[in-house]
Amino acid sequence: MNRTRSIGQICVVLVAAFCQTAAGDDETLHIAWQSSPALFANQDFDYQLQLTSRHATRGRLSWQLKLLHRTLGRGERSLDLQATKTTTVDLPLRIPPLKPGVAREATLQVSFVTADQESTSELRKLWLFSRDPFADRQQWLQHFEIALYDPKGKTGELFSQGKIPYRMIRSLDASNSNRRGVVIIAPGVSLKSKPSLAQTAWELAAGGRIVLWFAPRDGSFDLDFSAENKAPGNFSLAGSTIVKRLDHRLDRGHWSGRETDTIGLKLGVRRNRPQLQVTSGADGWFWFEAEFENPAGRLIVCGGDLTDRWEESPTPRYLLAAMLQYADNEHHNSTQPLDRQDLP
């Protein structure tokens, strides 16, 4: 008797769970954000979202942008949604200016109310950035003594416009590994046309330099270590989540318009020799890092193109700032002894 009752109770629970799942799957209206949650301040911006309804319906879409408890803007409009069709909507936002070097968290709330008074709402956290991540940090930036290898010249132009100090170099020379400073290799450099470049970058990092390489176009790095090709103490691969680990406010997903435009990195073998191979962003990792000891150096290869959407998105320039901060911290920690108070 008790067993029959237990089976009956289990059936009731399963039926209830099934009904709840079915109800969740029968979502009448779905709202999907299309624009990035990271935006520049001091601009008029059309924030894009998509609405998909199971049934044809008419209603009103309203939105409100708030910074802390202050409403920055609001609006509403009528919409006719077709059954199972996706409708794209641009929400006109006026984003106020911020002080240089400042970023602020904001919220964007949207609601769609049908003629039958059925309501669907979504809330998104946004980050609003001033355009200069290095404001009031020029002295800190100077100490990196950035050497920029930029055959195309586009990155140098953006650095000059952003008042990022750098020294342009026409070639990489591993014999300069004893010099101070960060070496930045600009996006779009072909490893196939310049096969020795990968080895030179590796030797610079092995000799104690910090090397940041953005979006190599093609080719590979040999990982066949020997007395001439020093093995790193550690190396790692990471996906685009590394962007949020470095700066949680940024958004890698909206950096480039198409994933196939980004660069990916993957491990492979050619002629029985291990390699780090450049591929498309959809097929590979976003980040490769090799850390060297005695002397301490670091090579970071990032699939993101610094020059892509530099003017449209805060992510490229603020990620550069975060990478410099990260490399500086790691380099300092690996070259400085522990202070007594840091010991366990």
Protein backbone atom coordinates (compact mmCIF):
# COMPACT_ATOMS: atom_id res chain seq x y z
CA MET A 1 0.00 0.00 0.00
CA ASN A 2 2.80 2.42 0.94
CA ARG A 3 4.65 1.42 -2.22
CA THR A 4 1.59 2.21 -4.38
CA ARG A 5 1.23 5.60 -2.69
CA SER A 6 4.92 6.36 -3.27
CA ILE A 7 4.63 5.51 -6.97
CA GLY A 8 1.57 7.74 -7.22
CA GLN A 9 3.39 10.63 -5.56
CA ILE A 10 6.32 10.22 -7.96
CA CYS A 11 3.95 10.30 -10.95
CA VAL A 12 2.34 13.52 -9.69
CA VAL A 13 5.77 15.15 -9.29
CA LEU A 14 6.86 14.05 -12.79
CA VAL A 15 3.67 15.32 -14.41
CA ALA A 16 4.01 18.67 -12.62
CA ALA A 17 7.64 18.98 -13.70
CA PHE A 18 6.70 18.13 -17.30
CA CYS A 19 3.96 20.74 -17.34
CA GLN A 20 6.31 23.36 -15.90
CA THR A 21 8.94 22.56 -18.55
CA ALA A 22 6.35 22.68 -21.31
CA ALA A 23 5.15 26.04 -20.06
CA GLY A 24 8.72 27.34 -20.10
CA ASP A 25 9.22 26.06 -23.65
CA ASP A 26 5.99 27.81 -24.68
CA GLU A 27 7.43 31.23 -24.03
CA THR A 28 5.16 33.65 -25.87
CA LEU A 29 7.72 36.38 -26.47
CA HIS A 30 11.51 36.29 -26.49
CA ILE A 31 13.70 39.41 -26.28
CA ALA A 32 17.35 39.07 -27.39
CA TRP A 33 20.01 41.77 -26.96
CA GLN A 34 22.09 42.42 -30.08
CA SER A 35 24.32 45.36 -29.15
CA SER A 36 27.29 45.23 -26.81
CA PRO A 37 26.90 45.94 -23.08
CA ALA A 38 30.10 48.04 -23.29
CA LEU A 39 29.52 51.49 -24.81
CA PHE A 40 31.31 54.79 -25.14
CA ALA A 41 29.90 57.74 -23.22
CA ASN A 42 29.03 61.08 -24.82
CA GLN A 43 27.23 59.77 -27.90
CA ASP A 44 23.85 59.05 -29.44
CA PHE A 45 23.59 55.30 -29.90
CA ASP A 46 20.95 53.05 -31.46
CA TYR A 47 20.82 50.03 -29.14
CA GLN A 48 19.61 47.00 -31.06
CA LEU A 49 17.44 44.15 -29.82
CA GLN A 50 15.29 41.46 -31.42
CA LEU A 51 11.80 40.29 -30.48
CA THR A 52 10.35 36.95 -31.51
CA SER A 53 6.72 36.03 -30.77
CA ARG A 54 5.04 32.64 -31.11
CA HIS A 55 1.82 34.35 -32.15
CA ALA A 56 0.98 37.45 -34.13
CA THR A 57 0.45 40.25 -31.66
CA ARG A 58 0.32 44.01 -31.33
CA GLY A 59 1.67 45.95 -28.38
CA ARG A 60 3.88 48.71 -27.05
CA LEU A 61 7.61 48.47 -26.43
CA SER A 62 9.00 50.80 -23.76
CA TRP A 63 12.56 51.29 -22.55
CA GLN A 64 14.42 53.17 -19.83
CA LEU A 65 18.15 53.83 -19.39
CA LYS A 66 19.27 54.55 -15.82
CA LEU A 67 22.58 55.45 -14.21
CA LEU A 68 22.34 54.69 -10.50
CA HIS A 69 18.97 56.27 -9.59
CA ARG A 70 19.05 58.82 -12.39
CA THR A 71 17.02 58.26 -15.55
CA LEU A 72 19.12 59.14 -18.60
CA GLY A 73 16.39 58.52 -21.13
CA ARG A 74 13.21 56.66 -21.92
CA GLY A 75 10.92 55.99 -24.85
CA GLU A 76 8.20 53.80 -26.29
CA ARG A 77 6.78 52.75 -29.63
CA SER A 78 4.04 50.55 -31.07
CA LEU A 79 4.99 47.24 -32.65
CA ASP A 80 3.20 44.66 -34.77
CA LEU A 81 4.88 41.27 -34.38
CA GLN A 82 4.30 38.47 -36.86
CA ALA A 83 4.05 34.88 -35.67
CA THR A 84 7.50 33.20 -35.33
CA LYS A 85 9.13 36.11 -37.18
CA THR A 86 12.01 38.05 -35.65
CA THR A 87 11.64 41.82 -35.50
CA THR A 88 14.74 44.00 -35.05
CA VAL A 89 14.32 47.26 -33.15
CA ASP A 90 16.75 50.12 -32.56
CA LEU A 91 16.36 51.98 -29.27
CA PRO A 92 17.70 55.55 -29.53
CA LEU A 93 19.87 56.23 -26.47
CA ARG A 94 21.56 59.51 -25.60
CA ILE A 95 24.57 58.67 -23.43
CA PRO A 96 25.97 61.62 -21.44
CA PRO A 97 29.68 62.47 -21.16
CA LEU A 98 31.88 61.14 -18.36
CA LYS A 99 35.08 62.48 -16.89
CA PRO A 100 38.28 61.19 -18.60
CA GLY A 101 39.30 57.75 -17.38
CA VAL A 102 35.91 57.07 -15.78
CA ALA A 103 33.53 54.15 -16.40
CA ARG A 104 30.05 53.82 -14.92
CA GLU A 105 27.55 51.00 -14.64
CA ALA A 106 24.06 51.63 -16.05
CA THR A 107 20.93 49.56 -16.66
CA LEU A 108 18.67 49.32 -19.68
CA GLN A 109 15.18 47.94 -19.05
CA VAL A 110 12.76 47.07 -21.86
CA SER A 111 9.14 45.94 -21.59
CA PHE A 112 6.65 44.78 -24.20
CA VAL A 113 2.95 44.94 -23.27
CA THR A 114 0.39 43.38 -25.61
CA ALA A 115 -3.16 44.59 -26.24
CA ASP A 116 -4.25 41.84 -23.81
CA GLN A 117 -1.97 43.39 -21.15
CA GLU A 118 0.48 40.49 -21.20
CA SER A 119 3.90 41.85 -20.29
CA THR A 120 7.46 40.67 -20.98
CA SER A 121 10.44 42.53 -19.52
CA GLU A 122 14.22 42.25 -19.72
CA LEU A 123 16.96 44.10 -17.85
CA ARG A 124 20.54 44.48 -19.07
CA LYS A 125 23.55 45.82 -17.23
CA LEU A 126 25.65 48.19 -19.33
CA TRP A 127 29.07 49.74 -18.83
CA LEU A 128 29.64 53.27 -20.10
CA PHE A 129 33.26 54.30 -20.76
CA SER A 130 35.05 57.55 -21.38
CA ARG A 131 37.28 57.33 -24.44
CA ASP A 132 40.66 57.55 -22.71
CA PRO A 133 41.55 54.56 -20.51
CA PHE A 134 44.94 56.14 -19.76
CA ALA A 135 43.72 59.49 -18.42
CA ASP A 136 45.81 60.49 -15.38
CA ARG A 137 48.02 57.42 -16.02
CA GLN A 138 50.54 58.89 -18.44
CA GLN A 139 53.46 58.40 -16.07
CA TRP A 140 52.49 54.76 -15.59
CA LEU A 141 52.15 54.36 -19.36
CA GLN A 142 55.55 55.95 -20.03
CA HIS A 143 57.41 53.35 -18.00
CA PHE A 144 56.45 50.60 -20.47
CA GLU A 145 58.65 52.22 -23.14
CA ILE A 146 56.45 50.68 -25.84
CA ALA A 147 58.23 49.62 -29.03
CA LEU A 148 55.67 49.17 -31.82
CA TYR A 149 56.23 46.97 -34.87
CA ASP A 150 53.54 48.13 -37.28
CA PRO A 151 54.25 47.63 -41.00
CA LYS A 152 50.78 48.89 -41.98
CA GLY A 153 50.98 51.99 -39.78
CA LYS A 154 47.33 51.90 -38.72
CA THR A 155 47.99 50.97 -35.09
CA GLY A 156 50.57 53.74 -34.78
CA GLU A 157 48.03 56.28 -36.03
CA LEU A 158 45.51 55.16 -33.41
CA PHE A 159 48.15 55.24 -30.66
CA SER A 160 49.13 58.78 -31.67
CA GLN A 161 45.50 59.91 -31.67
CA GLY A 162 45.03 58.32 -28.25
CA LYS A 163 48.25 59.91 -26.90
CA ILE A 164 49.75 56.49 -26.20
CA PRO A 165 53.54 56.96 -26.19
CA TYR A 166 55.50 54.55 -28.37
CA ARG A 167 58.65 54.16 -30.43
CA MET A 168 58.13 52.81 -33.95
CA ILE A 169 60.54 50.02 -34.93
CA ARG A 170 61.04 48.80 -38.50
CA SER A 171 62.19 45.32 -37.56
CA LEU A 172 62.41 42.99 -34.59
CA ASP A 173 65.88 42.16 -33.36
CA ALA A 174 66.35 39.45 -30.75
CA SER A 175 69.73 40.96 -29.86
CA ASN A 176 67.73 43.76 -28.20
CA SER A 177 66.28 41.38 -25.64
CA ASN A 178 68.28 43.08 -22.90
CA ARG A 179 66.53 46.39 -23.53
CA ARG A 180 63.66 47.44 -21.34
CA GLY A 181 60.13 47.94 -22.50
CA VAL A 182 57.14 46.21 -24.01
CA VAL A 183 57.19 45.11 -27.64
CA ILE A 184 53.80 45.33 -29.39
CA ILE A 185 53.34 43.63 -32.76
CA ALA A 186 50.43 45.22 -34.61
CA PRO A 187 47.55 43.23 -36.13
CA GLY A 188 47.70 41.79 -39.63
CA VAL A 189 51.35 40.70 -39.78
CA SER A 190 51.74 37.56 -41.91
CA LEU A 191 53.83 34.77 -40.44
CA LYS A 192 53.89 33.05 -43.82
CA SER A 193 55.58 36.01 -45.48
CA LYS A 194 57.77 36.68 -42.41
CA PRO A 195 58.43 33.19 -40.96
CA SER A 196 61.39 34.34 -38.85
CA LEU A 197 59.22 36.81 -36.95
CA ALA A 198 57.73 34.16 -34.66
CA GLN A 199 61.17 32.90 -33.65
CA THR A 200 62.38 36.45 -33.00
CA ALA A 201 59.36 37.25 -30.81
CA TRP A 202 59.96 34.01 -28.89
CA GLU A 203 63.62 34.89 -28.34
CA LEU A 204 62.74 38.38 -27.14
CA ALA A 205 60.35 36.96 -24.52
CA ALA A 206 62.86 34.25 -23.55
CA GLY A 207 65.43 37.02 -23.08
CA GLY A 208 63.24 38.90 -20.60
CA ARG A 209 61.03 41.18 -22.72
CA ILE A 210 57.23 41.44 -22.63
CA VAL A 211 55.85 40.85 -26.14
CA LEU A 212 52.19 41.48 -27.00
CA TRP A 213 51.20 40.22 -30.45
CA PHE A 214 47.73 41.02 -31.80
CA ALA A 215 45.93 39.05 -34.52
CA PRO A 216 48.70 37.53 -36.67
CA ARG A 217 47.19 36.94 -40.10
CA ASP A 218 48.43 33.43 -40.85
CA GLY A 219 51.26 30.97 -40.32
CA SER A 220 52.53 29.21 -37.20
CA PHE A 221 54.92 29.24 -34.23
CA ASP A 222 57.24 26.26 -33.73
CA LEU A 223 57.00 24.74 -30.26
CA ASP A 224 59.93 22.35 -30.78
CA PHE A 225 62.06 23.37 -27.81
CA SER A 226 65.83 22.97 -27.69
CA ALA A 227 68.91 24.71 -26.35
CA GLU A 228 68.46 27.32 -29.09
CA ASN A 229 64.67 27.49 -28.69
CA LYS A 230 64.14 27.96 -24.95
CA ALA A 231 61.12 26.28 -23.40
CA PRO A 232 58.85 28.49 -21.26
CA GLY A 233 58.25 27.77 -17.60
CA ASN A 234 54.51 27.79 -18.33
CA PHE A 235 52.30 28.23 -21.35
CA SER A 236 48.55 28.27 -21.68
CA LEU A 237 45.65 28.70 -24.10
CA ALA A 238 42.44 30.52 -23.27
CA GLY A 239 39.15 31.35 -24.94
CA SER A 240 37.54 34.75 -25.19
CA THR A 241 36.53 34.53 -21.52
CA ILE A 242 40.04 35.82 -20.81
CA VAL A 243 38.73 39.27 -21.77
CA LYS A 244 36.33 39.33 -18.83
CA ARG A 245 38.99 37.87 -16.53
CA LEU A 246 41.23 40.83 -17.34
CA ASP A 247 38.41 43.39 -17.17
CA HIS A 248 34.93 42.18 -16.23
CA ARG A 249 33.32 45.26 -17.79
CA LEU A 250 34.37 44.39 -21.34
CA ASP A 251 32.61 42.29 -23.94
CA ARG A 252 34.58 40.14 -26.38
CA GLY A 253 31.45 38.90 -28.15
CA HIS A 254 30.67 42.21 -29.85
CA TRP A 255 34.25 43.26 -30.63
CA SER A 256 34.04 42.17 -34.26
CA GLY A 257 30.97 42.06 -36.44
CA ARG A 258 31.66 38.49 -37.60
CA GLU A 259 33.43 35.71 -35.72
CA THR A 260 35.13 34.58 -38.94
CA ASP A 261 36.90 37.97 -39.04
CA THR A 262 38.74 37.22 -35.80
CA ILE A 263 41.88 35.14 -35.38
CA GLY A 264 42.06 31.80 -33.58
CA LEU A 265 45.02 29.79 -32.31
CA LYS A 266 45.31 26.02 -32.10
CA LEU A 267 47.95 23.40 -31.37
CA GLY A 268 48.97 21.23 -34.31
CA VAL A 269 51.78 19.11 -35.73
CA ARG A 270 53.66 19.59 -39.00
CA ARG A 271 56.46 17.28 -40.07
CA ASN A 272 56.42 15.74 -36.58
CA ARG A 273 57.03 19.15 -34.99
CA PRO A 274 54.50 20.70 -32.57
CA GLN A 275 53.20 24.11 -33.57
CA LEU A 276 50.90 26.90 -32.55
CA GLN A 277 48.89 27.49 -35.72
CA VAL A 278 46.90 30.56 -36.74
CA THR A 279 43.35 29.79 -37.86
CA SER A 280 39.93 31.46 -37.88
CA GLY A 281 38.35 32.66 -34.65
CA ALA A 282 35.60 30.06 -34.92
CA ASP A 283 38.13 27.20 -34.95
CA GLY A 284 40.69 28.19 -32.35
CA TRP A 285 41.57 29.71 -29.02
CA PHE A 286 41.58 33.47 -28.50
CA TRP A 287 44.72 33.69 -26.36
CA PHE A 288 48.16 32.07 -26.09
CA GLU A 289 50.61 32.91 -23.33
CA ALA A 290 54.17 31.74 -22.69
CA GLU A 291 55.92 32.69 -19.46
CA PHE A 292 59.71 32.50 -19.20
CA GLU A 293 62.00 32.48 -16.18
CA ASN A 294 65.60 33.58 -15.57
CA PRO A 295 65.17 36.17 -16.97
CA ALA A 296 61.45 36.75 -16.57
CA GLY A 297 59.73 37.41 -19.89
CA ARG A 298 56.33 36.88 -21.45
CA LEU A 299 54.85 36.36 -24.90
CA ILE A 300 51.10 36.90 -25.33
CA VAL A 301 49.40 36.28 -28.67
CA CYS A 302 45.85 37.66 -28.74
CA GLY A 303 43.35 36.90 -31.50
CA GLY A 304 41.68 40.30 -31.15
CA ASP A 305 42.50 42.98 -33.69
CA LEU A 306 43.29 46.22 -31.84
CA THR A 307 42.38 48.33 -34.86
CA ASP A 308 39.01 46.64 -35.42
CA ARG A 309 36.23 48.82 -34.01
CA TRP A 310 38.71 50.98 -32.06
CA GLU A 311 36.43 53.97 -32.57
CA GLU A 312 33.16 52.06 -32.13
CA SER A 313 33.82 49.88 -29.06
CA PRO A 314 35.67 50.50 -25.76
CA THR A 315 36.89 46.88 -25.75
CA PRO A 316 40.08 47.20 -27.88
CA ARG A 317 41.62 50.16 -26.03
CA TYR A 318 40.50 49.09 -22.55
CA LEU A 319 41.71 45.54 -23.18
CA LEU A 320 45.11 46.96 -24.16
CA ALA A 321 45.19 48.83 -20.84
CA ALA A 322 44.21 45.64 -18.98
CA MET A 323 46.86 43.59 -20.81
CA LEU A 324 49.58 46.09 -19.95
CA GLN A 325 48.45 46.06 -16.32
CA TYR A 326 48.36 42.25 -16.29
CA ALA A 327 51.77 41.82 -17.93
CA ASP A 328 53.28 44.44 -15.63
CA ASN A 329 51.87 42.78 -12.50
CA GLU A 330 52.96 39.30 -13.55
CA HIS A 331 56.41 40.50 -14.57
CA HIS A 332 56.83 42.36 -11.28
CA ASN A 333 55.69 39.36 -9.25
CA SER A 334 58.08 37.03 -11.06
CA THR A 335 61.11 39.31 -10.60
CA GLN A 336 60.57 40.57 -7.05
CA PRO A 337 61.14 38.47 -3.91
CA LEU A 338 58.23 38.03 -1.54
CA ASP A 339 58.03 40.64 1.17
CA ARG A 340 58.05 39.15 4.66
CA GLN A 341 54.44 40.20 5.26
CA ASP A 342 53.40 38.28 2.10
CA LEU A 343 54.77 35.00 3.41
CA PRO A 344 52.22 32.47 4.71
